[in-house]
Protein backbone atom coordinates (compact mmCIF):
# COMPACT_ATOMS: atom_id res chain seq x y z
CA UNK A 1 31.85 24.21 69.17
CA UNK A 2 29.26 25.54 66.72
CA UNK A 3 29.79 25.83 62.99
CA UNK A 4 29.75 29.62 63.23
CA UNK A 5 32.45 29.55 65.92
CA UNK A 6 34.59 27.28 63.84
CA UNK A 7 34.31 29.67 60.87
CA UNK A 8 35.11 32.76 63.04
CA UNK A 9 38.09 31.11 64.68
CA UNK A 10 40.34 30.98 61.52
CA UNK A 11 39.46 34.56 60.60
CA UNK A 12 40.37 35.77 64.10
CA UNK A 13 43.60 33.79 64.00
CA UNK A 14 44.54 35.44 60.72
CA UNK A 15 43.83 38.94 62.05
CA UNK A 16 45.64 38.10 65.24
CA UNK A 17 48.70 36.85 63.31
CA UNK A 18 48.76 39.92 61.05
CA UNK A 19 48.58 42.23 64.06
CA UNK A 20 51.27 40.25 65.81
CA UNK A 21 53.55 40.44 62.76
CA UNK A 22 53.04 44.22 62.55
CA UNK A 23 53.98 44.54 66.22
CA UNK A 24 57.04 42.35 65.61
CA UNK A 25 58.19 44.44 62.62
CA UNK A 26 57.68 47.68 64.58
CA UNK A 27 59.56 46.20 67.54
CA UNK A 28 62.37 45.09 65.22
CA UNK A 29 62.51 48.57 63.70
CA UNK A 30 62.60 50.20 67.15
CA UNK A 31 65.77 48.27 67.98
CA UNK A 32 67.62 50.60 65.61
CA UNK A 33 67.56 52.96 68.61
CA UNK A 34 70.45 50.87 69.93
CA UNK A 35 72.78 53.12 67.89
CA UNK A 36 71.40 56.10 69.80
CA UNK A 37 72.12 54.34 73.08
CA UNK A 38 75.63 53.69 71.81
CA UNK A 39 75.88 57.41 71.07
CA UNK A 40 74.70 58.10 74.60
CA UNK A 41 77.52 55.91 75.88
CA UNK A 42 80.02 57.82 73.72
CA UNK A 43 78.64 61.13 75.01
CA UNK A 44 79.03 60.00 78.62
CA UNK A 45 82.57 58.77 77.94
CA UNK A 46 83.51 62.06 76.26
CA UNK A 47 81.87 64.04 79.06
CA UNK A 48 83.71 62.02 81.72
CA UNK A 49 87.01 62.87 80.03
CA UNK A 50 86.05 66.56 79.96
CA UNK A 51 85.06 66.46 83.63
CA UNK A 52 88.37 64.87 84.60
CA UNK A 53 90.33 67.37 82.50
CA UNK A 54 88.41 70.38 83.74
CA UNK A 55 88.71 69.19 87.35
CA UNK A 56 92.50 69.12 87.03
CA UNK A 57 92.65 72.46 85.16
CA UNK A 58 90.22 74.12 87.57
CA UNK A 59 92.32 73.06 90.55
CA UNK A 60 95.43 74.36 88.81
CA UNK A 61 93.70 77.63 87.85
CA UNK A 62 92.47 78.20 91.39
CA UNK A 63 95.93 77.51 92.79
CA UNK A 64 97.61 79.79 90.26
CA UNK A 65 95.04 82.55 90.78
CA UNK A 66 95.49 82.48 94.55
CA UNK A 67 99.26 82.36 94.18
CA UNK A 68 99.22 85.30 91.76
CA UNK A 69 97.05 87.27 94.18
CA UNK A 70 99.50 86.64 97.03
CA UNK A 71 102.51 87.48 94.88
CA UNK A 72 100.79 90.64 93.63
CA UNK A 73 100.22 91.74 97.24
CA UNK A 74 103.90 91.17 97.97
CA UNK A 75 104.90 93.14 94.87
CA UNK A 76 102.60 96.02 95.85
CA UNK A 77 104.13 96.05 99.33
CA UNK A 78 107.62 96.20 97.80
CA UNK A 79 106.46 98.93 95.43
CA UNK A 80 105.10 100.94 98.38
CA UNK A 81 108.41 100.48 100.18
CA UNK A 82 110.32 101.81 97.19
CA UNK A 83 107.87 104.71 96.96
CA UNK A 84 108.55 105.50 100.60
CA UNK A 85 112.27 105.71 99.83
CA UNK A 86 111.50 108.19 97.06
CA UNK A 87 109.11 110.24 99.22
CA UNK A 88 111.44 110.35 102.21
CA UNK A 89 114.36 111.36 100.00
CA UNK A 90 112.24 114.05 98.36
CA UNK A 91 111.18 115.46 101.73
CA UNK A 92 114.80 115.41 102.90
CA UNK A 93 115.95 117.05 99.67
CA UNK A 94 113.39 119.84 99.96
CA UNK A 95 114.46 120.49 103.56
CA UNK A 96 118.10 120.80 102.49
CA UNK A 97 117.14 123.02 99.56
CA UNK A 98 115.15 125.23 101.92
CA UNK A 99 118.23 125.52 104.10
CA UNK A 100 120.33 126.38 101.04
CA UNK A 101 117.77 128.95 99.89
CA UNK A 102 117.93 130.68 103.26
CA UNK A 103 121.73 130.70 103.15
CA UNK A 104 121.75 132.00 99.56
CA UNK A 105 119.14 134.67 100.35
CA UNK A 106 121.28 135.82 103.26
CA UNK A 107 124.35 135.88 101.02
CA UNK A 108 122.56 137.85 98.29
CA UNK A 109 121.32 140.36 100.86
CA UNK A 110 124.87 140.75 102.14
CA UNK A 111 126.23 141.18 98.59
CA UNK A 112 123.67 143.91 97.93
CA UNK A 113 124.77 145.56 101.14
CA UNK A 114 128.38 145.38 99.99
CA UNK A 115 127.44 146.92 96.63
CA UNK A 116 125.49 149.70 98.32
CA UNK A 117 128.26 150.60 100.77
CA UNK A 118 130.54 153.18 99.13
CA UNK A 119 134.09 153.61 100.32
CA UNK A 120 134.95 157.22 101.30
CA UNK A 121 138.14 157.45 99.24
CA UNK A 122 138.56 161.15 99.99
CA UNK A 123 139.11 160.34 103.62
CA UNK A 124 140.76 156.96 103.38
CA UNK A 125 143.05 157.35 100.37
CA UNK A 126 143.56 160.66 98.66
CA UNK A 127 141.99 164.02 98.80
CA UNK A 128 140.15 165.44 95.84
CA UNK A 129 138.60 162.10 94.76
CA UNK A 130 135.62 162.43 92.44
CA UNK A 131 132.46 160.22 92.36
CA UNK A 132 133.74 158.61 89.15
CA UNK A 133 136.47 156.75 90.94
CA UNK A 134 134.54 155.95 94.09
CA UNK A 135 134.46 152.29 95.06
CA UNK A 136 132.10 150.08 97.05
CA UNK A 137 132.95 147.33 99.50
CA UNK A 138 131.95 144.82 96.79
CA UNK A 139 135.06 145.90 94.83
CA UNK A 140 137.29 144.63 97.63
CA UNK A 141 136.00 141.02 97.74
CA UNK A 142 136.93 138.08 95.52
CA UNK A 143 133.64 137.52 93.70
CA UNK A 144 134.83 134.21 92.23
CA UNK A 145 134.79 132.68 95.69
CA UNK A 146 131.03 132.69 96.16
CA UNK A 147 130.32 132.26 92.41
CA UNK A 148 132.33 129.04 92.34
CA UNK A 149 130.60 127.87 95.52
CA UNK A 150 127.14 128.53 94.08
CA UNK A 151 128.10 126.81 90.82
CA UNK A 152 129.31 123.81 92.82
CA UNK A 153 125.96 123.71 94.64
CA UNK A 154 124.07 123.77 91.35
CA UNK A 155 126.23 120.96 90.00
CA UNK A 156 125.54 118.85 93.09
CA UNK A 157 121.80 119.51 92.81
CA UNK A 158 121.90 118.56 89.10
CA UNK A 159 123.61 115.30 90.06
CA UNK A 160 120.78 114.54 92.46
CA UNK A 161 118.18 115.40 89.81
CA UNK A 162 119.87 113.00 87.38
CA UNK A 163 119.89 110.24 90.04
CA UNK A 164 116.24 111.00 90.80
CA UNK A 165 115.36 110.69 87.09
CA UNK A 166 117.12 107.30 86.91
CA UNK A 167 115.25 106.12 89.99
CA UNK A 168 111.93 107.37 88.59
CA UNK A 169 112.54 105.51 85.31
CA UNK A 170 113.11 102.34 87.33
CA UNK A 171 109.90 102.98 89.28
CA UNK A 172 107.96 103.65 86.07
CA UNK A 173 109.21 100.36 84.64
CA UNK A 174 108.15 98.59 87.85
CA UNK A 175 104.72 100.26 87.62
CA UNK A 176 104.35 99.27 83.95
CA UNK A 177 105.07 95.63 84.72
CA UNK A 178 102.66 95.62 87.68
CA UNK A 179 99.98 97.18 85.46
CA UNK A 180 100.64 94.58 82.76
CA UNK A 181 100.30 91.84 85.36
CA UNK A 182 97.07 93.36 86.69
CA UNK A 183 95.68 93.73 83.16
CA UNK A 184 96.51 90.10 82.36
CA UNK A 185 94.77 88.92 85.55
CA UNK A 186 91.70 91.04 84.76
CA UNK A 187 91.64 89.67 81.21
CA UNK A 188 91.73 86.13 82.56
CA UNK A 189 88.93 86.90 85.05
CA UNK A 190 86.68 88.81 82.65
CA UNK A 191 87.20 86.64 79.57
CA UNK A 192 86.39 83.44 81.43
CA UNK A 193 84.11 84.84 84.18
CA UNK A 194 86.67 83.76 86.79
CA UNK A 195 85.74 80.07 86.31
CA UNK A 196 87.74 78.52 89.13
CA UNK A 197 84.74 76.47 90.27
CA UNK A 198 83.27 73.26 88.88
CA UNK A 199 79.78 74.22 90.13
CA UNK A 200 78.00 74.06 86.71
CA UNK A 201 79.81 70.92 85.55
CA UNK A 202 78.77 68.24 88.09
CA UNK A 203 75.03 68.91 87.61
CA UNK A 204 75.46 68.75 83.84
CA UNK A 205 77.40 65.49 84.04
CA UNK A 206 74.86 64.08 86.49
CA UNK A 207 72.10 65.02 84.04
CA UNK A 208 74.02 63.25 81.27
CA UNK A 209 74.40 60.04 83.25
CA UNK A 210 70.71 60.15 84.24
CA UNK A 211 69.68 60.57 80.60
CA UNK A 212 72.03 57.78 79.52
CA UNK A 213 70.49 55.54 82.16
CA UNK A 214 67.03 56.44 80.94
CA UNK A 215 67.92 55.67 77.30
CA UNK A 216 69.41 52.33 78.30
CA UNK A 217 66.30 51.57 80.32
CA UNK A 218 64.06 52.54 77.41
CA UNK A 219 66.13 50.42 75.04
CA UNK A 220 65.81 47.50 77.48
CA UNK A 221 62.04 47.93 77.40
CA UNK A 222 62.12 47.91 73.59
CA UNK A 223 64.25 44.73 73.63
CA UNK A 224 61.86 43.16 76.11
CA UNK A 225 58.93 44.09 73.86
CA UNK A 226 60.76 42.60 70.86
CA UNK A 227 61.43 39.42 72.81
CA UNK A 228 57.81 39.28 73.84
CA UNK A 229 56.69 39.71 70.19
CA UNK A 230 59.08 36.94 69.17
CA UNK A 231 57.75 34.68 71.90
CA UNK A 232 54.17 35.42 70.83
CA UNK A 233 55.03 34.55 67.22
CA UNK A 234 56.67 31.35 68.39
CA UNK A 235 53.49 30.31 70.14
CA UNK A 236 51.36 31.27 67.17
CA UNK A 237 50.94 28.88 64.25
CA UNK A 238 52.72 30.18 61.12
CA UNK A 239 54.24 33.03 63.05
CA UNK A 240 57.85 32.51 61.89
CA UNK A 241 56.94 32.33 58.18
CA UNK A 242 54.69 35.35 58.47
CA UNK A 243 57.49 37.34 60.18
CA UNK A 244 59.98 36.42 57.42
CA UNK A 245 57.57 37.50 54.72
CA UNK A 246 56.93 40.80 56.51
CA UNK A 247 60.65 41.34 57.19
CA UNK A 248 62.85 39.88 54.40
CA UNK A 249 65.96 40.57 56.46
CA UNK A 250 65.12 37.43 58.39
CA UNK A 251 65.45 35.29 55.23
CA UNK A 252 69.11 34.62 55.89
CA UNK A 253 68.41 33.35 59.36
CA UNK A 254 68.08 29.72 60.20
CA UNK A 255 64.63 28.17 60.09
CA UNK A 256 61.96 29.25 62.45
CA UNK A 257 64.02 28.40 65.51
CA UNK A 258 66.37 31.33 64.70
CA UNK A 259 63.64 33.63 66.01
CA UNK A 260 63.63 31.97 69.36
CA UNK A 261 67.21 31.00 70.04
CA UNK A 262 67.35 33.12 73.20
CA UNK A 263 63.80 32.49 74.36
CA UNK A 264 62.44 29.84 76.69
CA UNK A 265 60.50 27.28 74.69
CA UNK A 266 58.08 26.19 77.39
CA UNK A 267 54.49 25.45 76.31
CA UNK A 268 51.71 27.95 76.92
CA UNK A 269 48.02 27.26 77.27
CA UNK A 270 45.54 29.38 75.39
CA UNK A 271 44.81 31.66 78.34
CA UNK A 272 48.50 32.41 78.90
CA UNK A 273 48.95 33.04 75.19
CA UNK A 274 46.03 35.47 75.15
CA UNK A 275 47.48 37.28 78.16
CA UNK A 276 50.83 37.55 76.30
CA UNK A 277 49.07 38.91 73.22
CA UNK A 278 47.27 41.48 75.36
CA UNK A 279 50.60 42.67 76.81
CA UNK A 280 52.12 42.83 73.33
CA UNK A 281 49.16 44.88 72.05
CA UNK A 282 49.39 47.22 75.00
CA UNK A 283 53.19 47.69 74.76
CA UNK A 284 53.01 48.15 70.99
CA UNK A 285 51.02 51.32 71.55
CA UNK A 286 54.01 52.81 73.42
CA UNK A 287 56.85 51.82 71.06
CA UNK A 288 56.81 55.00 68.98
CA UNK A 289 56.65 57.13 72.13
CA UNK A 290 59.61 55.29 73.65
CA UNK A 291 61.64 55.79 70.46
CA UNK A 292 60.78 59.51 70.50
CA UNK A 293 61.79 59.68 74.17
CA UNK A 294 65.16 58.12 73.32
CA UNK A 295 65.66 60.71 70.57
CA UNK A 296 64.69 63.49 72.99
CA UNK A 297 67.13 62.23 75.63
CA UNK A 298 69.92 62.00 73.04
CA UNK A 299 69.19 65.54 71.82
CA UNK A 300 69.26 66.80 75.38
CA UNK A 301 72.52 64.93 76.00
CA UNK A 302 74.05 66.46 72.86
CA UNK A 303 73.07 69.92 74.11
CA UNK A 304 74.44 69.14 77.58
CA UNK A 305 77.69 67.90 76.03
CA UNK A 306 77.94 71.18 74.10
CA UNK A 307 77.58 73.06 77.38
CA UNK A 308 80.26 70.90 78.98
CA UNK A 309 82.57 71.47 76.03
CA UNK A 310 81.89 75.21 76.24
CA UNK A 311 82.79 75.22 79.94
CA UNK A 312 85.83 73.08 79.23
CA UNK A 313 86.96 75.44 76.45
CA UNK A 314 86.57 78.42 78.80
CA UNK A 315 88.59 76.67 81.51
CA UNK A 316 91.32 75.78 79.00
CA UNK A 317 91.39 79.42 77.88
CA UNK A 318 91.61 80.57 81.50
CA UNK A 319 94.45 78.13 82.07
CA UNK A 320 96.26 79.56 79.05
CA UNK A 321 95.70 83.15 80.19
CA UNK A 322 96.85 82.34 83.73
CA UNK A 323 99.98 80.73 82.30
CA UNK A 324 100.61 84.06 80.55
CA UNK A 325 100.16 85.76 83.93
CA UNK A 326 102.75 83.39 85.38
CA UNK A 327 105.15 84.30 82.56
CA UNK A 328 104.69 87.99 83.37
CA UNK A 329 105.17 87.26 87.07
CA UNK A 330 108.40 85.37 86.38
CA UNK A 331 109.67 88.26 84.26
CA UNK A 332 108.79 90.76 86.98
CA UNK A 333 110.44 88.57 89.59
CA UNK A 334 113.59 88.46 87.49
CA UNK A 335 113.60 92.26 87.23
CA UNK A 336 112.84 92.81 90.92
CA UNK A 337 116.53 92.79 92.01
CA UNK A 338 117.17 95.53 89.43
CA UNK A 339 114.42 97.72 90.90
CA UNK A 340 115.68 97.12 94.44
CA UNK A 341 119.26 97.91 93.42
CA UNK A 342 118.09 101.15 91.75
CA UNK A 343 116.32 102.23 94.96
CA UNK A 344 119.35 101.35 97.08
CA UNK A 345 121.67 103.25 94.73
CA UNK A 346 119.35 106.27 94.79
CA UNK A 347 119.28 106.29 98.59
CA UNK A 348 123.06 105.91 98.97
CA UNK A 349 123.75 108.60 96.32
CA UNK A 350 121.43 110.98 98.15
CA UNK A 351 123.23 110.41 101.45
CA UNK A 352 126.55 111.35 99.81
CA UNK A 353 125.08 114.36 97.99
CA UNK A 354 123.27 115.48 101.14
CA UNK A 355 126.53 115.60 103.08
CA UNK A 356 128.12 117.56 100.25
CA UNK A 357 125.20 120.02 100.14
CA UNK A 358 125.27 120.54 103.90
CA UNK A 359 129.03 121.17 103.81
CA UNK A 360 128.56 123.70 101.02
CA UNK A 361 125.69 125.29 102.94
CA UNK A 362 128.04 125.73 105.90
CA UNK A 363 130.65 127.22 103.58
CA UNK A 364 128.01 129.57 102.21
CA UNK A 365 127.10 130.60 105.74
CA UNK A 366 130.75 131.08 106.69
CA UNK A 367 131.35 133.22 103.60
CA UNK A 368 128.29 135.32 104.43
CA UNK A 369 129.56 135.68 108.00
CA UNK A 370 132.90 136.88 106.63
CA UNK A 371 131.23 139.44 104.34
CA UNK A 372 129.04 140.64 107.18
CA UNK A 373 132.12 140.96 109.38
CA UNK A 374 133.75 142.91 106.54
CA UNK A 375 130.81 145.34 106.51
CA UNK A 376 130.87 145.64 110.29
CA UNK A 377 134.66 146.14 110.25
CA UNK A 378 134.35 148.87 107.66
CA UNK A 379 131.82 150.65 109.88
CA UNK A 380 134.29 150.29 112.75
CA UNK A 381 137.03 151.61 110.47
CA UNK A 382 135.02 154.76 109.83
CA UNK A 383 134.57 155.16 113.56
CA UNK A 384 138.32 154.65 114.04
CA UNK A 385 139.12 157.27 111.39
CA UNK A 386 136.86 159.76 113.12
CA UNK A 387 138.43 158.96 116.49
CA UNK A 388 141.93 159.41 115.15
CA UNK A 389 141.02 162.66 113.47
CA UNK A 390 139.55 163.92 116.75
CA UNK A 391 142.72 162.95 118.62
CA UNK A 392 144.89 164.60 115.98
CA UNK A 393 142.81 167.76 116.16
CA UNK A 394 143.15 167.81 119.91
CA UNK A 395 146.90 167.25 119.67
CA UNK A 396 147.08 170.09 117.13
CA UNK A 397 145.24 172.44 119.47
CA UNK A 398 147.55 171.52 122.35
CA UNK A 399 150.60 171.99 120.11
CA UNK A 400 149.35 175.41 118.94
CA UNK A 401 148.75 176.51 122.50
CA UNK A 402 152.19 175.29 123.61
CA UNK A 403 153.75 177.03 120.60
CA UNK A 404 152.12 180.33 121.62
CA UNK A 405 153.16 179.94 125.25
CA UNK A 406 156.74 179.06 124.27
CA UNK A 407 156.88 182.08 121.97
CA UNK A 408 155.62 184.29 124.80
CA UNK A 409 158.21 182.85 127.20
CA UNK A 410 160.89 183.36 124.58
CA UNK A 411 160.09 187.02 124.15
CA UNK A 412 159.87 187.49 127.89
CA UNK A 413 163.22 185.74 128.34
CA UNK A 414 164.83 187.98 125.67
CA UNK A 415 163.54 191.11 127.39
CA UNK A 416 164.70 189.99 130.81
CA UNK A 417 168.16 189.09 129.48
CA UNK A 418 168.51 192.47 127.89
CA UNK A 419 167.48 194.19 131.15
CA UNK A 420 169.98 192.11 133.08
CA UNK A 421 172.83 192.95 130.74
CA UNK A 422 171.99 196.64 130.84
CA UNK A 423 171.91 196.72 134.59
CA UNK A 424 174.98 194.57 135.30
CA UNK A 425 176.91 194.51 132.08
CA UNK A 426 179.33 197.28 132.93
CA UNK A 427 180.23 195.60 136.13
CA UNK A 428 180.68 192.04 134.91
CA UNK A 429 183.50 191.08 132.59
CA UNK A 430 182.39 189.33 129.34
CA UNK A 431 184.44 186.25 129.92
CA UNK A 432 183.12 185.53 133.35
CA UNK A 433 180.37 183.40 131.72
CA UNK A 434 180.38 182.69 128.05
CA UNK A 435 176.60 182.71 127.79
CA UNK A 436 176.19 186.08 129.44
CA UNK A 437 175.08 187.84 126.32
CA UNK A 438 173.70 184.76 124.44
CA UNK A 439 170.13 184.77 123.05
CA UNK A 440 167.59 182.31 124.49
CA UNK A 441 167.25 178.81 122.90
CA UNK A 442 164.47 178.48 120.33
CA UNK A 443 161.87 175.63 120.72
CA UNK A 444 159.86 174.21 117.82
CA UNK A 445 156.70 172.08 117.97
CA UNK A 446 155.75 170.42 114.64
CA UNK A 447 154.04 167.26 113.34
CA UNK A 448 156.43 164.40 112.82
CA UNK A 449 156.07 161.36 110.53
CA UNK A 450 154.95 158.20 112.43
CA UNK A 451 157.73 155.81 113.26
CA UNK A 452 157.45 152.11 112.42
CA UNK A 453 156.51 150.07 115.48
CA UNK A 454 159.53 148.48 117.07
CA UNK A 455 159.46 144.75 117.58
CA UNK A 456 158.76 143.80 121.14
CA UNK A 457 161.10 141.35 122.82
CA UNK A 458 158.27 138.98 123.53
CA UNK A 459 157.27 138.90 119.83
CA UNK A 460 160.68 137.68 118.68
CA UNK A 461 160.66 134.94 121.27
CA UNK A 462 157.25 133.73 120.10
CA UNK A 463 158.46 133.58 116.51
């Protein structure tokens, strides 16, 4: 070897050792990224707990949501059934009221007819009656009869209206609770975007585990680079002392061997050593980039963890809101027998009131029939009065004619008796017949007072 080569060799060795020490210190410093990798492990552990929790809560939420939907459909079907009871009863009630209105209209028409029909008191009672004391057929009926019947109908209708109001209050309460349940379900769906699926969570967790794997891999590369720097120092003369001077934290370590306790101590020839130094130089250029990559991965993992926690918080909130829905559903279920009992009571009360209304409608019709028969009978009475007057007039004419004929016969008989006595009187003794000179018998025809009808034999037997 030339003199110039011998002089250049120590200078190159010094530069080489200084560069190697700088790489070693940088590699040592980069190992502080191990805390970031530990943080990555903590993030993954926390995320795994969130995934497990949200998986359980999501399954529960989905089950509860589906169950609430099914129960809500059942409740709506029951509500429709109760509505049908109300509608059918209302239709039935209106039909009965229509029937009652027709019966009442007929009664009122008949009452007007009674009020408009004046009784001819001059013919039926006493002569010389004046319009002031004239009566109508309405004066001869008991007005309280139909007034009490109408009042009874109104009372029955009021009873139905009261029962209908009670039933409607029950239905309104049922509606309010269904609306509250529906509102609570909508709040749970809208507030948490109906998060009953884990779709965004597995990709996020997978991204976390990938990033954690990458940070561990990057840290492994930094450790390998550090080990390679240590090995290079070990195979370089004065490397251990130079490393301790550059990094005082190594002063407490054991002598030079403390740098190599985990490294193979096999000998290297100069070519192998130069190849190792070339690798160290090349890797040293990437140390800062690897550290930045680890920081970037950790930052991304922190952001991903925030997203997972946000999703987890939303799912917890949804679980809480759905539990409130369950509370409302339990309350409604507890009140359901009350609503059903109210509908049953309303239906049974209507059946009783309906029968009562129909009976009263028949009574109203029967009373109207009686009043109409009264009007018809009065018309027949007037016809009977006219008939009797005609018969009496005829009898009077016959009696007058008979009276005139009897009077004529009487006078004729008187004259003939007188002629007989004149022609035979001097020849016949007076005592030969006591009635010889008697006057004819007088006959009278006059109106007699009617006799009371005698009881027929058959009538007494029937009694």
